[in-house]
C-alpha atoms as a PDB file:
ATOM      1  CA  MET A   1     -15.938  -7.683  15.760  1.00  0.00           C
ATOM      2  CA  ARG A   2     -13.933 -10.041  14.103  1.00  0.00           C
ATOM      3  CA  THR A   3     -11.864  -8.721  10.715  1.00  0.00           C
ATOM      4  CA  ASN A   4      -9.708 -10.707   8.426  1.00  0.00           C
ATOM      5  CA  ARG A   5      -6.511  -8.370   9.194  1.00  0.00           C
ATOM      6  CA  THR A   6      -4.087  -8.740  11.462  1.00  0.00           C
ATOM      7  CA  PHE A   7      -0.871  -6.324  12.545  1.00  0.00           C
ATOM      8  CA  THR A   8       2.892  -7.531  12.951  1.00  0.00           C
ATOM      9  CA  MET A   9       6.222  -5.789  13.586  1.00  0.00           C
ATOM     10  CA  LEU A  10       9.575  -8.132  12.959  1.00  0.00           C
ATOM     11  CA  LYS A  11      11.501  -7.105  15.661  1.00  0.00           C
ATOM     12  CA  PRO A  12      14.875  -5.025  15.545  1.00  0.00           C
ATOM     13  CA  ASP A  13      16.373  -8.709  16.200  1.00  0.00           C
ATOM     14  CA  SER A  14      14.678  -9.869  13.293  1.00  0.00           C
ATOM     15  CA  VAL A  15      15.964  -6.938  11.533  1.00  0.00           C
ATOM     16  CA  GLU A  16      19.882  -7.320  12.799  1.00  0.00           C
ATOM     17  CA  LYS A  17      19.907 -10.853  12.131  1.00  0.00           C
ATOM     18  CA  GLY A  18      19.011 -10.742   8.918  1.00  0.00           C
ATOM     19  CA  HIS A  19      15.764 -12.576   8.865  1.00  0.00           C
ATOM     20  CA  ILE A  20      13.487 -10.043   7.101  1.00  0.00           C
ATOM     21  CA  GLY A  21      13.183 -12.229   3.871  1.00  0.00           C
ATOM     22  CA  ALA A  22      12.401 -15.539   5.953  1.00  0.00           C
ATOM     23  CA  ILE A  23       9.666 -14.565   8.396  1.00  0.00           C
ATOM     24  CA  LEU A  24       7.843 -12.827   5.564  1.00  0.00           C
ATOM     25  CA  GLU A  25       8.136 -15.771   2.734  1.00  0.00           C
ATOM     26  CA  LYS A  26       6.685 -18.203   5.741  1.00  0.00           C
ATOM     27  CA  ILE A  27       3.790 -15.537   6.549  1.00  0.00           C
ATOM     28  CA  THR A  28       2.909 -15.566   2.782  1.00  0.00           C
ATOM     29  CA  ALA A  29       3.487 -19.583   2.298  1.00  0.00           C
ATOM     30  CA  SER A  30       1.025 -19.607   5.334  1.00  0.00           C
ATOM     31  CA  GLY A  31      -1.499 -17.616   3.157  1.00  0.00           C
ATOM     32  CA  PHE A  32      -1.463 -14.163   4.404  1.00  0.00           C
ATOM     33  CA  LYS A  33      -1.221 -11.266   1.898  1.00  0.00           C
ATOM     34  CA  ILE A  34       0.510  -8.435   2.846  1.00  0.00           C
ATOM     35  CA  VAL A  35      -1.334  -4.755   2.792  1.00  0.00           C
ATOM     36  CA  ALA A  36       0.357  -2.542   4.210  1.00  0.00           C
ATOM     37  CA  MET A  37       4.491  -2.830   5.054  1.00  0.00           C
ATOM     38  CA  LYS A  38       7.437  -0.429   5.685  1.00  0.00           C
ATOM     39  CA  LEU A  39      10.507  -0.612   7.459  1.00  0.00           C
ATOM     40  CA  THR A  40      10.479   2.275   9.885  1.00  0.00           C
ATOM     41  CA  GLN A  41      12.119   2.854  13.305  1.00  0.00           C
ATOM     42  CA  MET A  42      10.366   3.527  16.427  1.00  0.00           C
ATOM     43  CA  THR A  43      11.089   6.754  18.410  1.00  0.00           C
ATOM     44  CA  THR A  44      11.111   6.499  22.202  1.00  0.00           C
ATOM     45  CA  ALA A  45       8.277   8.135  22.648  1.00  0.00           C
ATOM     46  CA  ASP A  46       6.420   5.679  19.858  1.00  0.00           C
ATOM     47  CA  ALA A  47       7.242   2.592  22.056  1.00  0.00           C
ATOM     48  CA  LYS A  48       6.529   4.062  25.022  1.00  0.00           C
ATOM     49  CA  GLU A  49       3.014   5.128  23.560  1.00  0.00           C
ATOM     50  CA  PHE A  50       2.323   1.651  21.477  1.00  0.00           C
ATOM     51  CA  TYR A  51       3.190  -0.393  24.645  1.00  0.00           C
ATOM     52  CA  ALA A  52       1.665   1.690  26.559  1.00  0.00           C
ATOM     53  CA  ILE A  53      -0.413  -1.211  28.699  1.00  0.00           C
ATOM     54  CA  HIS A  54       2.851  -2.684  30.055  1.00  0.00           C
ATOM     55  CA  LYS A  55       4.117   0.529  31.665  1.00  0.00           C
ATOM     56  CA  GLU A  56       3.296  -0.463  34.940  1.00  0.00           C
ATOM     57  CA  ARG A  57       5.254  -3.779  34.432  1.00  0.00           C
ATOM     58  CA  PRO A  58       9.091  -4.621  35.544  1.00  0.00           C
ATOM     59  CA  PHE A  59      10.605  -5.369  31.756  1.00  0.00           C
ATOM     60  CA  PHE A  60       9.059  -1.932  30.642  1.00  0.00           C
ATOM     61  CA  GLY A  61      11.940   0.104  30.006  1.00  0.00           C
ATOM     62  CA  GLU A  62      14.208  -3.102  29.010  1.00  0.00           C
ATOM     63  CA  LEU A  63      11.216  -3.169  26.066  1.00  0.00           C
ATOM     64  CA  VAL A  64      11.285  -0.009  25.392  1.00  0.00           C
ATOM     65  CA  GLU A  65      15.005   0.065  24.436  1.00  0.00           C
ATOM     66  CA  TYR A  66      14.906  -2.936  22.643  1.00  0.00           C
ATOM     67  CA  MET A  67      12.247  -2.196  20.360  1.00  0.00           C
ATOM     68  CA  THR A  68      13.921   1.322  19.552  1.00  0.00           C
ATOM     69  CA  ARG A  69      17.271   0.106  19.378  1.00  0.00           C
ATOM     70  CA  GLY A  70      16.951  -0.281  14.943  1.00  0.00           C
ATOM     71  CA  PRO A  71      14.568  -0.848  12.328  1.00  0.00           C
ATOM     72  CA  ILE A  72      11.215  -2.613  12.487  1.00  0.00           C
ATOM     73  CA  VAL A  73       9.174  -3.851   9.926  1.00  0.00           C
ATOM     74  CA  ALA A  74       5.508  -2.825  10.420  1.00  0.00           C
ATOM     75  CA  ALA A  75       3.149  -4.799   8.158  1.00  0.00           C
ATOM     76  CA  ILE A  76      -0.595  -5.342   7.943  1.00  0.00           C
ATOM     77  CA  LEU A  77      -1.887  -9.043   7.071  1.00  0.00           C
ATOM     78  CA  GLU A  78      -4.924 -10.210   5.480  1.00  0.00           C
ATOM     79  CA  LYS A  79      -6.428 -13.424   5.509  1.00  0.00           C
ATOM     80  CA  ASP A  80      -9.139 -15.577   6.868  1.00  0.00           C
ATOM     81  CA  ASN A  81      -9.351 -15.561  10.870  1.00  0.00           C
ATOM     82  CA  ALA A  82      -6.075 -13.419  10.517  1.00  0.00           C
ATOM     83  CA  VAL A  83      -5.749 -12.716  14.072  1.00  0.00           C
ATOM     84  CA  GLU A  84      -5.770 -16.144  15.698  1.00  0.00           C
ATOM     85  CA  ASP A  85      -4.455 -17.903  12.677  1.00  0.00           C
ATOM     86  CA  PHE A  86      -1.006 -15.561  13.078  1.00  0.00           C
ATOM     87  CA  ARG A  87      -0.999 -15.985  16.770  1.00  0.00           C
ATOM     88  CA  THR A  88      -0.537 -19.479  16.085  1.00  0.00           C
ATOM     89  CA  LEU A  89       1.535 -19.350  13.070  1.00  0.00           C
ATOM     90  CA  ILE A  90       4.517 -17.373  15.348  1.00  0.00           C
ATOM     91  CA  GLY A  91       4.113 -19.496  18.337  1.00  0.00           C
ATOM     92  CA  ALA A  92       4.459 -18.937  22.360  1.00  0.00           C
ATOM     93  CA  THR A  93       6.196 -16.077  23.152  1.00  0.00           C
ATOM     94  CA  ASN A  94       8.960 -18.279  24.683  1.00  0.00           C
ATOM     95  CA  PRO A  95      10.445 -19.565  22.248  1.00  0.00           C
ATOM     96  CA  ALA A  96      11.443 -22.557  24.135  1.00  0.00           C
ATOM     97  CA  GLU A  97       7.542 -23.601  24.579  1.00  0.00           C
ATOM     98  CA  ALA A  98       6.767 -22.647  21.109  1.00  0.00           C
ATOM     99  CA  ALA A  99       5.585 -25.316  18.291  1.00  0.00           C
ATOM    100  CA  GLU A 100       8.297 -26.818  16.077  1.00  0.00           C
ATOM    101  CA  GLY A 101       8.242 -24.637  13.030  1.00  0.00           C
ATOM    102  CA  THR A 102       6.599 -21.385  14.232  1.00  0.00           C
ATOM    103  CA  ILE A 103       8.571 -18.129  13.725  1.00  0.00           C
ATOM    104  CA  ARG A 104       9.210 -17.809  17.490  1.00  0.00           C
ATOM    105  CA  LYS A 105      10.423 -21.674  17.046  1.00  0.00           C
ATOM    106  CA  LEU A 106      13.040 -20.627  13.799  1.00  0.00           C
ATOM    107  CA  TYR A 107      13.804 -17.580  14.909  1.00  0.00           C
ATOM    108  CA  ALA A 108      13.507 -15.942  18.731  1.00  0.00           C
ATOM    109  CA  ALA A 109      16.357 -15.789  21.079  1.00  0.00           C
ATOM    110  CA  SER A 110      14.522 -14.906  24.121  1.00  0.00           C
ATOM    111  CA  ILE A 111      11.447 -14.224  25.834  1.00  0.00           C
ATOM    112  CA  GLY A 112      12.566 -10.419  25.347  1.00  0.00           C
ATOM    113  CA  GLU A 113      14.072 -10.890  21.743  1.00  0.00           C
ATOM    114  CA  ASN A 114      11.342 -12.994  20.244  1.00  0.00           C
ATOM    115  CA  ALA A 115      11.380 -11.765  17.033  1.00  0.00           C
ATOM    116  CA  VAL A 116       7.773 -11.105  15.964  1.00  0.00           C
ATOM    117  CA  HIS A 117       4.937  -9.191  17.735  1.00  0.00           C
ATOM    118  CA  GLY A 118       1.172 -10.201  16.519  1.00  0.00           C
ATOM    119  CA  SER A 119      -1.808  -8.603  17.507  1.00  0.00           C
ATOM    120  CA  ASP A 120      -4.046 -10.291  20.110  1.00  0.00           C
ATOM    121  CA  SER A 121      -7.569  -8.987  19.203  1.00  0.00           C
ATOM    122  CA  ASP A 122      -9.324  -7.841  15.993  1.00  0.00           C
ATOM    123  CA  GLU A 123      -9.350  -4.922  17.856  1.00  0.00           C
ATOM    124  CA  ASN A 124      -6.053  -4.133  19.001  1.00  0.00           C
ATOM    125  CA  ALA A 125      -5.497  -5.017  15.490  1.00  0.00           C
ATOM    126  CA  ALA A 126      -6.985  -2.014  13.768  1.00  0.00           C
ATOM    127  CA  ILE A 127      -5.605   0.050  16.788  1.00  0.00           C
ATOM    128  CA  GLU A 128      -1.894  -0.884  16.296  1.00  0.00           C
ATOM    129  CA  GLY A 129      -2.346  -0.979  12.568  1.00  0.00           C
ATOM    130  CA  ALA A 130      -3.340   2.523  12.478  1.00  0.00           C
ATOM    131  CA  PHE A 131      -0.874   3.437  14.960  1.00  0.00           C
ATOM    132  CA  HIS A 132       2.083   2.532  12.366  1.00  0.00           C
ATOM    133  CA  PHE A 133      -0.121   3.497   8.510  1.00  0.00           C
ATOM    134  CA  ALA A 134      -2.149   6.356   7.382  1.00  0.00           C
ATOM    135  CA  GLY A 135      -5.197   5.295   5.386  1.00  0.00           C
ATOM    136  CA  ARG A 136      -3.573   5.878   2.267  1.00  0.00           C
ATOM    137  CA  GLU A 137      -0.817   2.920   2.853  1.00  0.00           C
ATOM    138  CA  ILE A 138      -2.949   0.282   3.478  1.00  0.00           C
ATOM    139  CA  PHE A 139      -3.711  -1.839   0.215  1.00  0.00           C
END
């Protein structure tokens, strides 16, 4: 199922460092329309549920701790080929391997603090968006 929407989170390190405006500008300048957005903070239960796919991985505890240490910006973005185009825009998980000009190359500090989340499939974009937003919050 191809859609024209994807989900993103500006992670706690992006918020802490004051990069919200710059990252949102890069997103909108790349042709994405923001159809839902909020500043929120994940609880430990939220983070465990959202990242349940990683629960058996050795970094799970650190991931949950990181994602709950401060506010995030959750957003649903719209554009043709949204998931693939956004994954290209954010760059590789490891900022050292990310292409020049990508969000992670510009704003991420490490693999662990990689600035932004982007859905990896249309199906996950729908699931992740619904996790953070009620239908009435999406325009």
